[in-house]
């Protein structure tokens, strides 16, 4: 069996670093691509928050019957960056459309 000898350790290190960075960049770009396409396909409806509304009531009324109400609350909170404490009457939020 033929043995290989590294003639320039610096060149070898730079080449390996380049290959590793390229691999990470390529796999990362594919990962980001699949995430972005799934978000674009979602449909939303706008809802103007009324006095006395809670995330639970909104999710129960407008959420899908197939989806757990807690999952719908999580999605509404994530999309609109709101919590039950920061939900104010008069604000407009996006609600995932029923599937």
N, C-alpha and C. Protein backbone atom coordinates (compact mmCIF):
# COMPACT_ATOMS: atom_id res chain seq x y z
N UNK A 1 0.84 -1.16 0.00
CA UNK A 1 0.00 0.00 0.00
C UNK A 1 0.90 1.24 0.00
N UNK A 2 0.50 2.21 -0.81
CA UNK A 2 1.29 3.42 -0.95
C UNK A 2 0.96 4.40 0.18
N UNK A 3 1.97 4.97 0.80
CA UNK A 3 1.77 5.96 1.85
C UNK A 3 1.81 7.35 1.24
N UNK A 4 0.92 8.19 1.73
CA UNK A 4 0.89 9.57 1.29
C UNK A 4 1.53 10.44 2.35
N UNK A 5 2.28 11.40 1.90
CA UNK A 5 2.96 12.30 2.82
C UNK A 5 2.47 13.72 2.57
N UNK A 6 2.14 14.42 3.63
CA UNK A 6 1.72 15.81 3.52
C UNK A 6 2.96 16.66 3.35
N UNK A 7 3.07 17.28 2.19
CA UNK A 7 4.27 18.06 1.89
C UNK A 7 4.23 19.43 2.55
N UNK A 8 3.04 20.02 2.61
CA UNK A 8 2.91 21.34 3.21
C UNK A 8 1.76 21.30 4.23
N UNK A 9 2.07 21.24 5.51
CA UNK A 9 1.01 21.20 6.53
C UNK A 9 0.09 22.42 6.46
N UNK A 10 0.65 23.58 6.14
CA UNK A 10 -0.17 24.78 6.04
C UNK A 10 -1.20 24.65 4.92
N UNK A 11 -0.77 24.21 3.75
CA UNK A 11 -1.67 24.05 2.61
C UNK A 11 -2.74 22.99 2.91
N UNK A 12 -2.35 21.92 3.58
CA UNK A 12 -3.30 20.88 3.95
C UNK A 12 -4.36 21.44 4.91
N UNK A 13 -3.93 22.20 5.91
CA UNK A 13 -4.85 22.77 6.89
C UNK A 13 -5.82 23.74 6.23
N UNK A 14 -5.31 24.59 5.36
CA UNK A 14 -6.17 25.55 4.67
C UNK A 14 -7.17 24.82 3.77
N UNK A 15 -6.73 23.80 3.08
CA UNK A 15 -7.62 23.03 2.20
C UNK A 15 -8.72 22.35 3.00
N UNK A 16 -8.37 21.74 4.11
CA UNK A 16 -9.36 21.06 4.94
C UNK A 16 -10.36 22.06 5.53
N UNK A 17 -9.85 23.21 5.97
CA UNK A 17 -10.74 24.24 6.52
C UNK A 17 -11.72 24.71 5.44
N UNK A 18 -11.22 24.91 4.22
CA UNK A 18 -12.08 25.33 3.12
C UNK A 18 -13.16 24.28 2.84
N UNK A 19 -12.79 23.01 2.82
CA UNK A 19 -13.77 21.95 2.57
C UNK A 19 -14.82 21.89 3.67
N UNK A 20 -14.41 22.02 4.90
CA UNK A 20 -15.35 21.96 6.02
C UNK A 20 -16.32 23.15 5.97
N UNK A 21 -15.79 24.34 5.75
CA UNK A 21 -16.65 25.53 5.67
C UNK A 21 -17.60 25.42 4.49
N UNK A 22 -17.13 24.92 3.36
CA UNK A 22 -18.00 24.74 2.19
C UNK A 22 -19.12 23.75 2.48
N UNK A 23 -18.79 22.66 3.13
CA UNK A 23 -19.80 21.65 3.48
C UNK A 23 -20.86 22.24 4.41
N UNK A 24 -20.42 22.97 5.42
CA UNK A 24 -21.36 23.58 6.37
C UNK A 24 -22.23 24.61 5.65
N UNK A 25 -21.63 25.40 4.78
CA UNK A 25 -22.39 26.42 4.06
C UNK A 25 -23.45 25.78 3.15
N UNK A 26 -23.08 24.73 2.44
CA UNK A 26 -24.02 24.08 1.52
C UNK A 26 -25.16 23.43 2.29
N UNK A 27 -24.86 22.68 3.34
CA UNK A 27 -25.93 22.04 4.11
C UNK A 27 -26.79 23.08 4.81
N UNK A 28 -26.19 24.16 5.28
CA UNK A 28 -26.97 25.22 5.93
C UNK A 28 -27.90 25.93 4.97
N UNK A 29 -27.46 26.11 3.74
CA UNK A 29 -28.33 26.77 2.77
C UNK A 29 -29.52 25.89 2.40
N UNK A 30 -29.33 24.59 2.33
CA UNK A 30 -30.46 23.70 2.08
C UNK A 30 -31.42 23.69 3.25
N UNK A 31 -30.90 23.71 4.45
CA UNK A 31 -31.75 23.71 5.64
C UNK A 31 -32.61 24.97 5.67
N UNK A 32 -32.02 26.11 5.42
CA UNK A 32 -32.75 27.37 5.40
C UNK A 32 -33.76 27.43 4.27
N UNK A 33 -33.44 26.83 3.15
CA UNK A 33 -34.34 26.83 1.99
C UNK A 33 -35.63 26.11 2.32
N UNK A 34 -35.55 24.96 2.96
CA UNK A 34 -36.74 24.19 3.26
C UNK A 34 -37.60 24.88 4.31
N UNK A 35 -36.98 25.55 5.27
CA UNK A 35 -37.75 26.28 6.27
C UNK A 35 -38.50 27.44 5.64
N UNK A 36 -37.85 28.18 4.77
CA UNK A 36 -38.47 29.36 4.17
C UNK A 36 -39.64 28.98 3.27
N UNK A 37 -39.56 27.90 2.55
CA UNK A 37 -40.65 27.54 1.65
C UNK A 37 -41.87 27.10 2.43
N UNK A 38 -41.71 26.48 3.59
CA UNK A 38 -42.87 26.04 4.34
C UNK A 38 -43.61 27.23 4.94
N UNK A 39 -42.91 28.30 5.30
CA UNK A 39 -43.56 29.48 5.87
C UNK A 39 -44.35 30.22 4.79
N UNK A 40 -43.82 30.28 3.58
CA UNK A 40 -44.49 31.00 2.51
C UNK A 40 -45.83 30.37 2.15
N UNK A 41 -46.00 29.10 2.36
CA UNK A 41 -47.22 28.41 1.97
C UNK A 41 -48.35 28.61 2.98
N UNK A 42 -48.04 29.12 4.17
CA UNK A 42 -49.07 29.32 5.17
C UNK A 42 -49.98 30.48 4.78
N UNK A 43 -51.26 30.33 5.08
CA UNK A 43 -52.22 31.40 4.82
C UNK A 43 -52.71 31.93 6.16
N UNK A 44 -52.95 33.23 6.20
CA UNK A 44 -53.36 33.86 7.44
C UNK A 44 -54.62 34.69 7.22
N UNK A 45 -55.32 34.93 8.30
CA UNK A 45 -56.42 35.89 8.28
C UNK A 45 -56.13 36.93 9.35
N UNK A 46 -56.57 38.13 9.13
CA UNK A 46 -56.37 39.21 10.09
C UNK A 46 -57.53 39.23 11.07
N UNK A 47 -57.22 39.54 12.31
CA UNK A 47 -58.25 39.64 13.34
C UNK A 47 -57.94 40.85 14.21
N UNK A 48 -58.95 41.69 14.42
CA UNK A 48 -58.79 42.86 15.29
C UNK A 48 -59.24 42.46 16.69
N UNK A 49 -58.34 42.59 17.64
CA UNK A 49 -58.60 42.15 19.01
C UNK A 49 -59.63 43.08 19.65
N UNK A 50 -60.64 42.47 20.26
CA UNK A 50 -61.69 43.20 20.96
C UNK A 50 -61.43 43.19 22.46
N UNK A 51 -62.08 44.08 23.17
CA UNK A 51 -61.95 44.12 24.63
C UNK A 51 -62.45 42.81 25.22
N UNK A 52 -61.67 42.22 26.09
CA UNK A 52 -62.05 40.96 26.74
C UNK A 52 -61.58 39.72 26.01
N UNK A 53 -61.01 39.86 24.83
CA UNK A 53 -60.49 38.70 24.09
C UNK A 53 -59.25 38.14 24.76
N UNK A 54 -59.13 36.83 24.72
CA UNK A 54 -57.92 36.16 25.18
C UNK A 54 -57.39 35.31 24.04
N UNK A 55 -56.13 34.94 24.12
CA UNK A 55 -55.57 34.06 23.09
C UNK A 55 -56.34 32.75 23.04
N UNK A 56 -56.75 32.26 24.18
CA UNK A 56 -57.49 31.00 24.24
C UNK A 56 -58.80 31.12 23.47
N UNK A 57 -59.56 32.21 23.71
CA UNK A 57 -60.84 32.40 23.02
C UNK A 57 -60.65 32.55 21.51
N UNK A 58 -59.64 33.31 21.12
CA UNK A 58 -59.37 33.52 19.69
C UNK A 58 -58.98 32.20 19.03
N UNK A 59 -58.11 31.44 19.68
CA UNK A 59 -57.66 30.16 19.11
C UNK A 59 -58.82 29.17 19.05
N UNK A 60 -59.67 29.19 20.05
CA UNK A 60 -60.81 28.27 20.08
C UNK A 60 -61.81 28.60 18.97
N UNK A 61 -62.02 29.89 18.74
CA UNK A 61 -63.01 30.31 17.74
C UNK A 61 -62.50 30.17 16.31
N UNK A 62 -61.23 30.52 16.07
CA UNK A 62 -60.71 30.57 14.71
C UNK A 62 -59.75 29.44 14.37
N UNK A 63 -59.37 28.64 15.34
CA UNK A 63 -58.44 27.55 15.07
C UNK A 63 -59.13 26.37 14.41
N UNK A 64 -58.32 25.48 13.89
CA UNK A 64 -58.83 24.28 13.24
C UNK A 64 -59.33 23.29 14.28
N UNK A 65 -60.39 22.57 13.95
CA UNK A 65 -60.90 21.55 14.87
C UNK A 65 -59.94 20.37 14.98
N UNK A 66 -59.10 20.19 13.97
CA UNK A 66 -58.15 19.08 13.97
C UNK A 66 -56.92 19.37 14.82
N UNK A 67 -56.67 20.66 15.10
CA UNK A 67 -55.47 21.06 15.82
C UNK A 67 -55.82 21.37 17.27
N UNK A 68 -54.93 20.98 18.17
CA UNK A 68 -55.11 21.29 19.58
C UNK A 68 -55.09 22.80 19.78
N UNK A 69 -55.94 23.29 20.65
CA UNK A 69 -56.05 24.72 20.91
C UNK A 69 -54.72 25.31 21.38
N UNK A 70 -53.97 24.55 22.17
CA UNK A 70 -52.68 25.03 22.67
C UNK A 70 -51.69 25.23 21.54
N UNK A 71 -51.74 24.37 20.52
CA UNK A 71 -50.86 24.52 19.36
C UNK A 71 -51.22 25.79 18.59
N UNK A 72 -52.51 26.06 18.45
CA UNK A 72 -52.95 27.27 17.76
C UNK A 72 -52.51 28.51 18.52
N UNK A 73 -52.62 28.48 19.86
CA UNK A 73 -52.15 29.60 20.68
C UNK A 73 -50.66 29.82 20.48
N UNK A 74 -49.90 28.73 20.45
CA UNK A 74 -48.46 28.84 20.24
C UNK A 74 -48.16 29.48 18.88
N UNK A 75 -48.86 29.05 17.84
CA UNK A 75 -48.63 29.60 16.50
C UNK A 75 -48.99 31.08 16.43
N UNK A 76 -50.11 31.46 17.04
CA UNK A 76 -50.51 32.87 17.05
C UNK A 76 -49.46 33.70 17.79
N UNK A 77 -49.01 33.20 18.93
CA UNK A 77 -48.00 33.92 19.72
C UNK A 77 -46.70 34.07 18.96
N UNK A 78 -46.29 33.00 18.27
CA UNK A 78 -45.03 33.02 17.53
C UNK A 78 -45.10 33.96 16.33
N UNK A 79 -46.17 33.89 15.57
CA UNK A 79 -46.31 34.71 14.36
C UNK A 79 -46.39 36.19 14.70
N UNK A 80 -47.15 36.52 15.75
CA UNK A 80 -47.39 37.92 16.09
C UNK A 80 -46.48 38.46 17.19
N UNK A 81 -45.66 37.60 17.74
CA UNK A 81 -44.77 37.97 18.84
C UNK A 81 -45.54 38.62 19.98
N UNK A 82 -46.61 37.94 20.39
CA UNK A 82 -47.41 38.42 21.52
C UNK A 82 -47.49 37.33 22.58
N UNK A 83 -47.80 37.76 23.78
CA UNK A 83 -48.09 36.87 24.89
C UNK A 83 -49.46 37.27 25.42
N UNK A 84 -50.06 36.48 26.30
CA UNK A 84 -51.35 36.90 26.86
C UNK A 84 -51.29 38.28 27.53
N UNK A 85 -50.12 38.63 28.06
CA UNK A 85 -49.98 39.93 28.73
C UNK A 85 -49.84 41.09 27.74
N UNK A 86 -49.37 40.81 26.53
CA UNK A 86 -49.15 41.89 25.55
C UNK A 86 -50.22 41.92 24.46
N UNK A 87 -51.33 41.27 24.68
CA UNK A 87 -52.45 41.28 23.73
C UNK A 87 -53.39 42.42 24.13
N UNK A 88 -53.47 43.44 23.29
CA UNK A 88 -54.26 44.62 23.63
C UNK A 88 -55.43 44.78 22.67
N UNK A 89 -56.55 45.29 23.20
CA UNK A 89 -57.72 45.56 22.37
C UNK A 89 -57.36 46.61 21.32
N UNK A 90 -57.84 46.40 20.11
CA UNK A 90 -57.57 47.32 19.01
C UNK A 90 -56.40 46.92 18.14
N UNK A 91 -55.55 46.03 18.64
CA UNK A 91 -54.41 45.59 17.82
C UNK A 91 -54.89 44.53 16.83
N UNK A 92 -54.20 44.46 15.70
CA UNK A 92 -54.53 43.48 14.67
C UNK A 92 -53.50 42.37 14.68
N UNK A 93 -53.97 41.13 14.70
CA UNK A 93 -53.06 39.99 14.71
C UNK A 93 -53.38 39.08 13.53
N UNK A 94 -52.41 38.26 13.17
CA UNK A 94 -52.59 37.27 12.11
C UNK A 94 -52.90 35.93 12.75
N UNK A 95 -53.88 35.24 12.18
CA UNK A 95 -54.27 33.93 12.67
C UNK A 95 -54.10 32.94 11.52
N UNK A 96 -53.44 31.80 11.77
CA UNK A 96 -53.31 30.80 10.70
C UNK A 96 -54.69 30.36 10.22
N UNK A 97 -54.88 30.32 8.91
CA UNK A 97 -56.17 29.92 8.33
C UNK A 97 -56.41 28.44 8.58
N UNK A 98 -57.68 28.09 8.71
CA UNK A 98 -58.05 26.68 8.89
C UNK A 98 -57.60 25.87 7.70
N UNK A 99 -57.14 24.67 7.96
CA UNK A 99 -56.65 23.80 6.89
C UNK A 99 -57.69 22.77 6.56
